[in-house]
Amino acid sequence: MPKRLRQHINPLKSTCIVPRAPLDLPDGIPVEVELGCGDAQFLIQRAQRENAQGSTAQRSAPTLYLGLDIRDEFLAEGKKTIAALGLTNVRLETCNLLVDSPHLF
C-alpha cells in the first residue's frame, strides 16, 4: 500500500516555525514564483515549454521557475520529475510562508 500524503499540514508545528535562510538566487535572471506549488507540475510544464521554444530575442536570459511549499513530501515527487527530465530552470524549496515571507528573497 502506498504511503498516504497529507493534503494539509499545521504551519504552526514546531518543525515548521524555524525561519530558513534567504534563498540564493542568480542575479540578472527573471524568476517566476509559485506559492504552494505542491508537486510542481504546473512549473515543470512551463519550464519544459520554455526549453522547447528556446530563448527569444526579447528575453535573453531564461526564466527560473521557483516553487515553494511547506510539504516536503510533495516537493520530493516534483524533484524526482525534474531530475528525470533533466530540467535546470526549475527549483523547488521547502518553506513556511507564514514565517519565511519577510526574508526569503
PDB file of N, CA and C in Angstrom:
ATOM      1  N   MET A   1       0.846  -1.170   0.000  1.00  0.00           N
ATOM      2  CA  MET A   1       0.000   0.000   0.000  1.00  0.00           C
ATOM      3  C   MET A   1       0.898   1.241   0.000  1.00  0.00           C
ATOM      4  N   PRO A   2       0.648   2.193  -0.927  1.00  0.00           N
ATOM      5  CA  PRO A   2       1.472   3.410  -0.982  1.00  0.00           C
ATOM      6  C   PRO A   2       1.236   4.274   0.250  1.00  0.00           C
ATOM      7  N   LYS A   3       2.275   5.012   0.622  1.00  0.00           N
ATOM      8  CA  LYS A   3       2.183   5.922   1.761  1.00  0.00           C
ATOM      9  C   LYS A   3       1.201   7.041   1.455  1.00  0.00           C
ATOM     10  N   ARG A   4       0.341   7.333   2.405  1.00  0.00           N
ATOM     11  CA  ARG A   4      -0.651   8.399   2.244  1.00  0.00           C
ATOM     12  C   ARG A   4       0.013   9.746   2.511  1.00  0.00           C
ATOM     13  N   LEU A   5      -0.129  10.671   1.574  1.00  0.00           N
ATOM     14  CA  LEU A   5       0.391  12.022   1.751  1.00  0.00           C
ATOM     15  C   LEU A   5      -0.734  12.928   2.222  1.00  0.00           C
ATOM     16  N   ARG A   6      -0.488  13.608   3.322  1.00  0.00           N
ATOM     17  CA  ARG A   6      -1.497  14.530   3.831  1.00  0.00           C
ATOM     18  C   ARG A   6      -1.610  15.739   2.909  1.00  0.00           C
ATOM     19  N   GLN A   7      -2.824  16.176   2.689  1.00  0.00           N
ATOM     20  CA  GLN A   7      -3.067  17.338   1.844  1.00  0.00           C
ATOM     21  C   GLN A   7      -2.769  18.639   2.572  1.00  0.00           C
ATOM     22  N   HIS A   8      -2.815  18.598   3.899  1.00  0.00           N
ATOM     23  CA  HIS A   8      -2.607  19.812   4.690  1.00  0.00           C
ATOM     24  C   HIS A   8      -1.599  19.526   5.793  1.00  0.00           C
ATOM     25  N   ILE A   9      -0.963  20.566   6.268  1.00  0.00           N
ATOM     26  CA  ILE A   9      -0.002  20.462   7.355  1.00  0.00           C
ATOM     27  C   ILE A   9      -0.233  21.639   8.285  1.00  0.00           C
ATOM     28  N   ASN A  10       0.042  21.439   9.556  1.00  0.00           N
ATOM     29  CA  ASN A  10      -0.108  22.513  10.526  1.00  0.00           C
ATOM     30  C   ASN A  10       1.085  23.464  10.397  1.00  0.00           C
ATOM     31  N   PRO A  11       0.880  24.677   9.899  1.00  0.00           N
ATOM     32  CA  PRO A  11       2.001  25.598   9.711  1.00  0.00           C
ATOM     33  C   PRO A  11       2.605  26.101  11.017  1.00  0.00           C
ATOM     34  N   LEU A  12       1.949  25.827  12.140  1.00  0.00           N
ATOM     35  CA  LEU A  12       2.470  26.261  13.429  1.00  0.00           C
ATOM     36  C   LEU A  12       3.156  25.123  14.186  1.00  0.00           C
ATOM     37  N   LYS A  13       3.303  23.968  13.529  1.00  0.00           N
ATOM     38  CA  LYS A  13       4.021  22.845  14.123  1.00  0.00           C
ATOM     39  C   LYS A  13       5.460  23.289  14.406  1.00  0.00           C
ATOM     40  N   SER A  14       6.039  22.806  15.473  1.00  0.00           N
ATOM     41  CA  SER A  14       7.353  23.289  15.907  1.00  0.00           C
ATOM     42  C   SER A  14       8.424  23.162  14.827  1.00  0.00           C
ATOM     43  N   THR A  15       8.365  22.139  13.994  1.00  0.00           N
ATOM     44  CA  THR A  15       9.374  21.987  12.940  1.00  0.00           C
ATOM     45  C   THR A  15       9.154  22.951  11.786  1.00  0.00           C
ATOM     46  N   CYS A  16       7.996  23.579  11.730  1.00  0.00           N
ATOM     47  CA  CYS A  16       7.680  24.488  10.622  1.00  0.00           C
ATOM     48  C   CYS A  16       7.905  25.960  10.947  1.00  0.00           C
ATOM     49  N   ILE A  17       8.136  26.289  12.206  1.00  0.00           N
ATOM     50  CA  ILE A  17       8.220  27.706  12.548  1.00  0.00           C
ATOM     51  C   ILE A  17       9.656  28.216  12.681  1.00  0.00           C
ATOM     52  N   VAL A  18      10.623  27.372  12.386  1.00  0.00           N
ATOM     53  CA  VAL A  18      12.019  27.815  12.394  1.00  0.00           C
ATOM     54  C   VAL A  18      12.286  28.520  11.068  1.00  0.00           C
ATOM     55  N   PRO A  19      12.663  29.801  11.097  1.00  0.00           N
ATOM     56  CA  PRO A  19      12.886  30.526   9.837  1.00  0.00           C
ATOM     57  C   PRO A  19      14.061  29.944   9.060  1.00  0.00           C
ATOM     58  N   ARG A  20      13.932  29.932   7.766  1.00  0.00           N
ATOM     59  CA  ARG A  20      15.012  29.445   6.911  1.00  0.00           C
ATOM     60  C   ARG A  20      15.844  30.624   6.415  1.00  0.00           C
ATOM     61  N   ALA A  21      17.001  30.291   5.916  1.00  0.00           N
ATOM     62  CA  ALA A  21      17.892  31.317   5.366  1.00  0.00           C
ATOM     63  C   ALA A  21      17.301  31.874   4.069  1.00  0.00           C
ATOM     64  N   PRO A  22      17.653  33.107   3.708  1.00  0.00           N
ATOM     65  CA  PRO A  22      17.200  33.652   2.429  1.00  0.00           C
ATOM     66  C   PRO A  22      17.666  32.765   1.269  1.00  0.00           C
ATOM     67  N   LEU A  23      16.883  32.765   0.206  1.00  0.00           N
ATOM     68  CA  LEU A  23      17.220  31.975  -0.977  1.00  0.00           C
ATOM     69  C   LEU A  23      18.405  32.583  -1.713  1.00  0.00           C
ATOM     70  N   ASP A  24      19.248  31.738  -2.234  1.00  0.00           N
ATOM     71  CA  ASP A  24      20.381  32.175  -3.040  1.00  0.00           C
ATOM     72  C   ASP A  24      19.961  32.064  -4.511  1.00  0.00           C
ATOM     73  N   LEU A  25      19.506  33.179  -5.065  1.00  0.00           N
ATOM     74  CA  LEU A  25      19.017  33.201  -6.441  1.00  0.00           C
ATOM     75  C   LEU A  25      20.033  33.888  -7.343  1.00  0.00           C
ATOM     76  N   PRO A  26      20.144  33.423  -8.586  1.00  0.00           N
ATOM     77  CA  PRO A  26      21.101  34.050  -9.510  1.00  0.00           C
ATOM     78  C   PRO A  26      20.674  35.473  -9.868  1.00  0.00           C
ATOM     79  N   ASP A  27      21.649  36.327 -10.083  1.00  0.00           N
ATOM     80  CA  ASP A  27      21.381  37.715 -10.474  1.00  0.00           C
ATOM     81  C   ASP A  27      21.097  37.798 -11.971  1.00  0.00           C
ATOM     82  N   GLY A  28      20.251  38.739 -12.349  1.00  0.00           N
ATOM     83  CA  GLY A  28      20.011  39.031 -13.754  1.00  0.00           C
ATOM     84  C   GLY A  28      19.123  38.037 -14.483  1.00  0.00           C
ATOM     85  N   ILE A  29      18.489  37.143 -13.770  1.00  0.00           N
ATOM     86  CA  ILE A  29      17.603  36.158 -14.406  1.00  0.00           C
ATOM     87  C   ILE A  29      16.188  36.384 -13.876  1.00  0.00           C
ATOM     88  N   PRO A  30      15.189  36.443 -14.759  1.00  0.00           N
ATOM     89  CA  PRO A  30      13.809  36.570 -14.280  1.00  0.00           C
ATOM     90  C   PRO A  30      13.422  35.326 -13.477  1.00  0.00           C
ATOM     91  N   VAL A  31      12.674  35.544 -12.402  1.00  0.00           N
ATOM     92  CA  VAL A  31      12.232  34.446 -11.547  1.00  0.00           C
ATOM     93  C   VAL A  31      10.712  34.494 -11.448  1.00  0.00           C
ATOM     94  N   GLU A  32      10.074  33.360 -11.717  1.00  0.00           N
ATOM     95  CA  GLU A  32       8.632  33.204 -11.503  1.00  0.00           C
ATOM     96  C   GLU A  32       8.461  32.311 -10.297  1.00  0.00           C
ATOM     97  N   VAL A  33       7.641  32.751  -9.343  1.00  0.00           N
ATOM     98  CA  VAL A  33       7.457  32.020  -8.098  1.00  0.00           C
ATOM     99  C   VAL A  33       6.022  31.514  -8.018  1.00  0.00           C
ATOM    100  N   GLU A  34       5.881  30.229  -7.662  1.00  0.00           N
ATOM    101  CA  GLU A  34       4.559  29.672  -7.380  1.00  0.00           C
ATOM    102  C   GLU A  34       4.523  29.344  -5.896  1.00  0.00           C
ATOM    103  N   LEU A  35       3.597  29.978  -5.186  1.00  0.00           N
ATOM    104  CA  LEU A  35       3.430  29.745  -3.753  1.00  0.00           C
ATOM    105  C   LEU A  35       2.478  28.582  -3.551  1.00  0.00           C
ATOM    106  N   GLY A  36       2.901  27.605  -2.755  1.00  0.00           N
ATOM    107  CA  GLY A  36       2.070  26.425  -2.534  1.00  0.00           C
ATOM    108  C   GLY A  36       2.014  25.565  -3.780  1.00  0.00           C
ATOM    109  N   CYS A  37       3.168  25.227  -4.321  1.00  0.00           N
ATOM    110  CA  CYS A  37       3.237  24.565  -5.632  1.00  0.00           C
ATOM    111  C   CYS A  37       2.927  23.075  -5.598  1.00  0.00           C
ATOM    112  N   GLY A  38       2.861  22.450  -4.429  1.00  0.00           N
ATOM    113  CA  GLY A  38       2.579  21.019  -4.359  1.00  0.00           C
ATOM    114  C   GLY A  38       3.661  20.224  -5.062  1.00  0.00           C
ATOM    115  N   ASP A  39       3.278  19.386  -6.014  1.00  0.00           N
ATOM    116  CA  ASP A  39       4.277  18.575  -6.736  1.00  0.00           C
ATOM    117  C   ASP A  39       4.878  19.322  -7.925  1.00  0.00           C
ATOM    118  N   ALA A  40       4.511  20.567  -8.104  1.00  0.00           N
ATOM    119  CA  ALA A  40       5.105  21.495  -9.083  1.00  0.00           C
ATOM    120  C   ALA A  40       4.858  21.119 -10.540  1.00  0.00           C
ATOM    121  N   GLN A  41       3.816  20.395 -10.832  1.00  0.00           N
ATOM    122  CA  GLN A  41       3.561  20.003 -12.209  1.00  0.00           C
ATOM    123  C   GLN A  41       3.337  21.210 -13.119  1.00  0.00           C
ATOM    124  N   PHE A  42       2.703  22.258 -12.609  1.00  0.00           N
ATOM    125  CA  PHE A  42       2.489  23.470 -13.399  1.00  0.00           C
ATOM    126  C   PHE A  42       3.822  24.098 -13.784  1.00  0.00           C
ATOM    127  N   LEU A  43       4.729  24.247 -12.803  1.00  0.00           N
ATOM    128  CA  LEU A  43       6.039  24.843 -13.078  1.00  0.00           C
ATOM    129  C   LEU A  43       6.861  23.966 -14.020  1.00  0.00           C
ATOM    130  N   ILE A  44       6.784  22.678 -13.830  1.00  0.00           N
ATOM    131  CA  ILE A  44       7.533  21.752 -14.691  1.00  0.00           C
ATOM    132  C   ILE A  44       7.067  21.885 -16.136  1.00  0.00           C
ATOM    133  N   GLN A  45       5.772  21.975 -16.343  1.00  0.00           N
ATOM    134  CA  GLN A  45       5.251  22.142 -17.704  1.00  0.00           C
ATOM    135  C   GLN A  45       5.698  23.473 -18.310  1.00  0.00           C
ATOM    136  N   ARG A  46       5.694  24.537 -17.503  1.00  0.00           N
ATOM    137  CA  ARG A  46       6.151  25.843 -18.012  1.00  0.00           C
ATOM    138  C   ARG A  46       7.624  25.790 -18.386  1.00  0.00           C
ATOM    139  N   ALA A  47       8.439  25.163 -17.557  1.00  0.00           N
ATOM    140  CA  ALA A  47       9.870  25.056 -17.833  1.00  0.00           C
ATOM    141  C   ALA A  47      10.118  24.225 -19.087  1.00  0.00           C
ATOM    142  N   GLN A  48       9.382  23.140 -19.251  1.00  0.00           N
ATOM    143  CA  GLN A  48       9.525  22.313 -20.450  1.00  0.00           C
ATOM    144  C   GLN A  48       9.144  23.105 -21.695  1.00  0.00           C
ATOM    145  N   ARG A  49       8.075  23.871 -21.609  1.00  0.00           N
ATOM    146  CA  ARG A  49       7.618  24.667 -22.755  1.00  0.00           C
ATOM    147  C   ARG A  49       8.678  25.711 -23.122  1.00  0.00           C
ATOM    148  N   GLU A  50       9.262  26.357 -22.112  1.00  0.00           N
ATOM    149  CA  GLU A  50      10.301  27.352 -22.392  1.00  0.00           C
ATOM    150  C   GLU A  50      11.528  26.692 -23.018  1.00  0.00           C
ATOM    151  N   ASN A  51      11.924  25.549 -22.527  1.00  0.00           N
ATOM    152  CA  ASN A  51      13.076  24.842 -23.092  1.00  0.00           C
ATOM    153  C   ASN A  51      12.821  24.422 -24.527  1.00  0.00           C
ATOM    154  N   ALA A  52      11.596  24.027 -24.833  1.00  0.00           N
ATOM    155  CA  ALA A  52      11.254  23.605 -26.189  1.00  0.00           C
ATOM    156  C   ALA A  52      11.258  24.787 -27.150  1.00  0.00           C
ATOM    157  N   GLN A  53      10.830  25.966 -26.670  1.00  0.00           N
ATOM    158  CA  GLN A  53      10.761  27.155 -27.521  1.00  0.00           C
ATOM    159  C   GLN A  53      12.115  27.826 -27.677  1.00  0.00           C
ATOM    160  N   GLY A  54      13.026  27.610 -26.731  1.00  0.00           N
ATOM    161  CA  GLY A  54      14.324  28.287 -26.772  1.00  0.00           C
ATOM    162  C   GLY A  54      14.174  29.722 -26.322  1.00  0.00           C
ATOM    163  N   SER A  55      15.284  30.414 -26.243  1.00  0.00           N
ATOM    164  CA  SER A  55      15.219  31.817 -25.819  1.00  0.00           C
ATOM    165  C   SER A  55      14.762  32.686 -26.981  1.00  0.00           C
ATOM    166  N   THR A  56      14.029  33.714 -26.654  1.00  0.00           N
ATOM    167  CA  THR A  56      13.520  34.624 -27.671  1.00  0.00           C
ATOM    168  C   THR A  56      14.393  35.866 -27.725  1.00  0.00           C
ATOM    169  N   ALA A  57      14.228  36.655 -28.752  1.00  0.00           N
ATOM    170  CA  ALA A  57      15.024  37.873 -28.897  1.00  0.00           C
ATOM    171  C   ALA A  57      14.692  38.882 -27.799  1.00  0.00           C
ATOM    172  N   GLN A  58      13.417  38.905 -27.344  1.00  0.00           N
ATOM    173  CA  GLN A  58      13.031  39.870 -26.318  1.00  0.00           C
ATOM    174  C   GLN A  58      13.585  39.492 -24.951  1.00  0.00           C
ATOM    175  N   ARG A  59      13.794  38.214 -24.701  1.00  0.00           N
ATOM    176  CA  ARG A  59      14.240  37.766 -23.385  1.00  0.00           C
ATOM    177  C   ARG A  59      15.515  36.959 -23.569  1.00  0.00           C
ATOM    178  N   SER A  60      16.646  37.545 -23.216  1.00  0.00           N
ATOM    179  CA  SER A  60      17.925  36.872 -23.440  1.00  0.00           C
ATOM    180  C   SER A  60      18.206  35.820 -22.379  1.00  0.00           C
ATOM    181  N   ALA A  61      17.769  36.035 -21.142  1.00  0.00           N
ATOM    182  CA  ALA A  61      18.031  35.072 -20.078  1.00  0.00           C
ATOM    183  C   ALA A  61      16.808  34.177 -19.878  1.00  0.00           C
ATOM    184  N   PRO A  62      17.031  32.896 -19.662  1.00  0.00           N
ATOM    185  CA  PRO A  62      15.891  32.008 -19.403  1.00  0.00           C
ATOM    186  C   PRO A  62      15.290  32.324 -18.032  1.00  0.00           C
ATOM    187  N   THR A  63      14.045  31.985 -17.845  1.00  0.00           N
ATOM    188  CA  THR A  63      13.359  32.208 -16.582  1.00  0.00           C
ATOM    189  C   THR A  63      13.662  31.065 -15.629  1.00  0.00           C
ATOM    190  N   LEU A  64      13.878  31.401 -14.353  1.00  0.00           N
ATOM    191  CA  LEU A  64      13.991  30.389 -13.317  1.00  0.00           C
ATOM    192  C   LEU A  64      12.618  30.240 -12.688  1.00  0.00           C
ATOM    193  N   TYR A  65      12.099  29.029 -12.690  1.00  0.00           N
ATOM    194  CA  TYR A  65      10.799  28.742 -12.093  1.00  0.00           C
ATOM    195  C   TYR A  65      11.034  28.204 -10.693  1.00  0.00           C
ATOM    196  N   LEU A  66      10.508  28.908  -9.686  1.00  0.00           N
ATOM    197  CA  LEU A  66      10.742  28.581  -8.291  1.00  0.00           C
ATOM    198  C   LEU A  66       9.432  28.195  -7.635  1.00  0.00           C
ATOM    199  N   GLY A  67       9.378  26.982  -7.114  1.00  0.00           N
ATOM    200  CA  GLY A  67       8.197  26.501  -6.414  1.00  0.00           C
ATOM    201  C   GLY A  67       8.446  26.437  -4.923  1.00  0.00           C
ATOM    202  N   LEU A  68       7.524  26.979  -4.143  1.00  0.00           N
ATOM    203  CA  LEU A  68       7.634  26.983  -2.687  1.00  0.00           C
ATOM    204  C   LEU A  68       6.456  26.238  -2.093  1.00  0.00           C
ATOM    205  N   ASP A  69       6.733  25.360  -1.137  1.00  0.00           N
ATOM    206  CA  ASP A  69       5.662  24.628  -0.470  1.00  0.00           C
ATOM    207  C   ASP A  69       6.144  24.201   0.904  1.00  0.00           C
ATOM    208  N   ILE A  70       5.222  24.038   1.814  1.00  0.00           N
ATOM    209  CA  ILE A  70       5.545  23.623   3.179  1.00  0.00           C
ATOM    210  C   ILE A  70       5.661  22.104   3.280  1.00  0.00           C
ATOM    211  N   ARG A  71       5.076  21.385   2.321  1.00  0.00           N
ATOM    212  CA  ARG A  71       5.039  19.918   2.383  1.00  0.00           C
ATOM    213  C   ARG A  71       6.186  19.320   1.580  1.00  0.00           C
ATOM    214  N   ASP A  72       7.222  18.921   2.276  1.00  0.00           N
ATOM    215  CA  ASP A  72       8.422  18.382   1.642  1.00  0.00           C
ATOM    216  C   ASP A  72       8.135  17.105   0.856  1.00  0.00           C
ATOM    217  N   GLU A  73       7.168  16.311   1.326  1.00  0.00           N
ATOM    218  CA  GLU A  73       6.831  15.063   0.629  1.00  0.00           C
ATOM    219  C   GLU A  73       6.305  15.332  -0.776  1.00  0.00           C
ATOM    220  N   PHE A  74       5.536  16.396  -0.945  1.00  0.00           N
ATOM    221  CA  PHE A  74       5.023  16.748  -2.260  1.00  0.00           C
ATOM    222  C   PHE A  74       6.158  17.234  -3.154  1.00  0.00           C
ATOM    223  N   LEU A  75       7.042  18.044  -2.595  1.00  0.00           N
ATOM    224  CA  LEU A  75       8.169  18.553  -3.368  1.00  0.00           C
ATOM    225  C   LEU A  75       9.084  17.421  -3.819  1.00  0.00           C
ATOM    226  N   ALA A  76       9.187  16.375  -3.016  1.00  0.00           N
ATOM    227  CA  ALA A  76      10.049  15.244  -3.377  1.00  0.00           C
ATOM    228  C   ALA A  76       9.600  14.622  -4.696  1.00  0.00           C
ATOM    229  N   GLU A  77       8.310  14.521  -4.913  1.00  0.00           N
ATOM    230  CA  GLU A  77       7.788  13.980  -6.181  1.00  0.00           C
ATOM    231  C   GLU A  77       8.164  14.891  -7.343  1.00  0.00           C
ATOM    232  N   GLY A  78       7.999  16.181  -7.142  1.00  0.00           N
ATOM    233  CA  GLY A  78       8.362  17.141  -8.180  1.00  0.00           C
ATOM    234  C   GLY A  78       9.852  17.116  -8.482  1.00  0.00           C
ATOM    235  N   LYS A  79      10.675  16.993  -7.446  1.00  0.00           N
ATOM    236  CA  LYS A  79      12.125  16.944  -7.631  1.00  0.00           C
ATOM    237  C   LYS A  79      12.545  15.703  -8.419  1.00  0.00           C
ATOM    238  N   LYS A  80      11.859  14.592  -8.191  1.00  0.00           N
ATOM    239  CA  LYS A  80      12.140  13.371  -8.967  1.00  0.00           C
ATOM    240  C   LYS A  80      11.828  13.601 -10.445  1.00  0.00           C
ATOM    241  N   THR A  81      10.708  14.241 -10.712  1.00  0.00           N
ATOM    242  CA  THR A  81      10.313  14.524 -12.098  1.00  0.00           C
ATOM    243  C   THR A  81      11.306  15.465 -12.757  1.00  0.00           C
ATOM    244  N   ILE A  82      11.725  16.498 -12.049  1.00  0.00           N
ATOM    245  CA  ILE A  82      12.686  17.461 -12.583  1.00  0.00           C
ATOM    246  C   ILE A  82      14.001  16.769 -12.927  1.00  0.00           C
ATOM    247  N   ALA A  83      14.471  15.909 -12.031  1.00  0.00           N
ATOM    248  CA  ALA A  83      15.720  15.182 -12.282  1.00  0.00           C
ATOM    249  C   ALA A  83      15.578  14.240 -13.467  1.00  0.00           C
ATOM    250  N   ALA A  84      14.447  13.550 -13.556  1.00  0.00           N
ATOM    251  CA  ALA A  84      14.231  12.610 -14.658  1.00  0.00           C
ATOM    252  C   ALA A  84      14.182  13.322 -16.003  1.00  0.00           C
ATOM    253  N   LEU A  85      13.643  14.528 -16.024  1.00  0.00           N
ATOM    254  CA  LEU A  85      13.545  15.300 -17.268  1.00  0.00           C
ATOM    255  C   LEU A  85      14.807  16.110 -17.552  1.00  0.00           C
ATOM    256  N   GLY A  86      15.692  16.213 -16.581  1.00  0.00           N
ATOM    257  CA  GLY A  86      16.929  16.969 -16.760  1.00  0.00           C
ATOM    258  C   GLY A  86      16.716  18.468 -16.845  1.00  0.00           C
ATOM    259  N   LEU A  87      15.703  18.976 -16.176  1.00  0.00           N
ATOM    260  CA  LEU A  87      15.413  20.414 -16.207  1.00  0.00           C
ATOM    261  C   LEU A  87      16.342  21.154 -15.259  1.00  0.00           C
ATOM    262  N   THR A  88      16.908  22.248 -15.738  1.00  0.00           N
ATOM    263  CA  THR A  88      17.813  23.049 -14.909  1.00  0.00           C
ATOM    264  C   THR A  88      17.215  24.406 -14.556  1.00  0.00           C
ATOM    265  N   ASN A  89      16.041  24.713 -15.092  1.00  0.00           N
ATOM    266  CA  ASN A  89      15.432  26.017 -14.851  1.00  0.00           C
ATOM    267  C   ASN A  89      14.237  25.942 -13.894  1.00  0.00           C
ATOM    268  N   VAL A  90      14.167  24.857 -13.093  1.00  0.00           N
ATOM    269  CA  VAL A  90      13.124  24.719 -12.081  1.00  0.00           C
ATOM    270  C   VAL A  90      13.803  24.393 -10.758  1.00  0.00           C
ATOM    271  N   ARG A  91      13.359  25.070  -9.715  1.00  0.00           N
ATOM    272  CA  ARG A  91      13.904  24.821  -8.384  1.00  0.00           C
ATOM    273  C   ARG A  91      12.759  24.761  -7.389  1.00  0.00           C
ATOM    274  N   LEU A  92      12.777  23.781  -6.510  1.00  0.00           N
ATOM    275  CA  LEU A  92      11.737  23.624  -5.504  1.00  0.00           C
ATOM    276  C   LEU A  92      12.353  23.755  -4.121  1.00  0.00           C
ATOM    277  N   GLU A  93      11.693  24.532  -3.269  1.00  0.00           N
ATOM    278  CA  GLU A  93      12.198  24.800  -1.924  1.00  0.00           C
ATOM    279  C   GLU A  93      11.084  24.626  -0.902  1.00  0.00           C
ATOM    280  N   THR A  94      11.438  24.035   0.230  1.00  0.00           N
ATOM    281  CA  THR A  94      10.513  23.896   1.343  1.00  0.00           C
ATOM    282  C   THR A  94      10.571  25.160   2.185  1.00  0.00           C
ATOM    283  N   CYS A  95       9.414  25.708   2.496  1.00  0.00           N
ATOM    284  CA  CYS A  95       9.376  26.867   3.386  1.00  0.00           C
ATOM    285  C   CYS A  95       7.975  27.019   3.948  1.00  0.00           C
ATOM    286  N   ASN A  96       7.885  27.750   5.037  1.00  0.00           N
ATOM    287  CA  ASN A  96       6.616  28.110   5.651  1.00  0.00           C
ATOM    288  C   ASN A  96       6.414  29.597   5.370  1.00  0.00           C
ATOM    289  N   LEU A  97       5.525  29.917   4.480  1.00  0.00           N
ATOM    290  CA  LEU A  97       5.341  31.306   4.065  1.00  0.00           C
ATOM    291  C   LEU A  97       4.901  32.219   5.204  1.00  0.00           C
ATOM    292  N   LEU A  98       4.243  31.674   6.225  1.00  0.00           N
ATOM    293  CA  LEU A  98       3.865  32.489   7.376  1.00  0.00           C
ATOM    294  C   LEU A  98       5.086  32.994   8.124  1.00  0.00           C
ATOM    295  N   VAL A  99       6.145  32.202   8.139  1.00  0.00           N
ATOM    296  CA  VAL A  99       7.355  32.550   8.876  1.00  0.00           C
ATOM    297  C   VAL A  99       8.402  33.162   7.946  1.00  0.00           C
ATOM    298  N   ASP A 100       8.542  32.617   6.742  1.00  0.00           N
ATOM    299  CA  ASP A 100       9.669  32.935   5.875  1.00  0.00           C
ATOM    300  C   ASP A 100       9.434  34.099   4.900  1.00  0.00           C
ATOM    301  N   SER A 101       8.219  34.485   4.648  1.00  0.00           N
ATOM    302  CA  SER A 101       7.950  35.511   3.632  1.00  0.00           C
ATOM    303  C   SER A 101       8.747  36.804   3.780  1.00  0.00           C
ATOM    304  N   PRO A 102       8.885  37.341   4.989  1.00  0.00           N
ATOM    305  CA  PRO A 102       9.580  38.638   5.096  1.00  0.00           C
ATOM    306  C   PRO A 102      11.048  38.635   4.676  1.00  0.00           C
ATOM    307  N   HIS A 103      11.715  37.489   4.744  1.00  0.00           N
ATOM    308  CA  HIS A 103      13.152  37.484   4.474  1.00  0.00           C
ATOM    309  C   HIS A 103      13.602  36.434   3.451  1.00  0.00           C
ATOM    310  N   LEU A 104      12.680  35.837   2.739  1.00  0.00           N
ATOM    311  CA  LEU A 104      13.024  34.759   1.802  1.00  0.00           C
ATOM    312  C   LEU A 104      13.765  35.266   0.577  1.00  0.00           C
ATOM    313  N   PHE A 105      13.400  36.455   0.084  1.00  0.00           N
ATOM    314  CA  PHE A 105      14.006  36.967  -1.149  1.00  0.00           C
ATOM    315  C   PHE A 105      14.933  38.126  -0.871  1.00  0.00           C
TER     316      PHE A 105
END
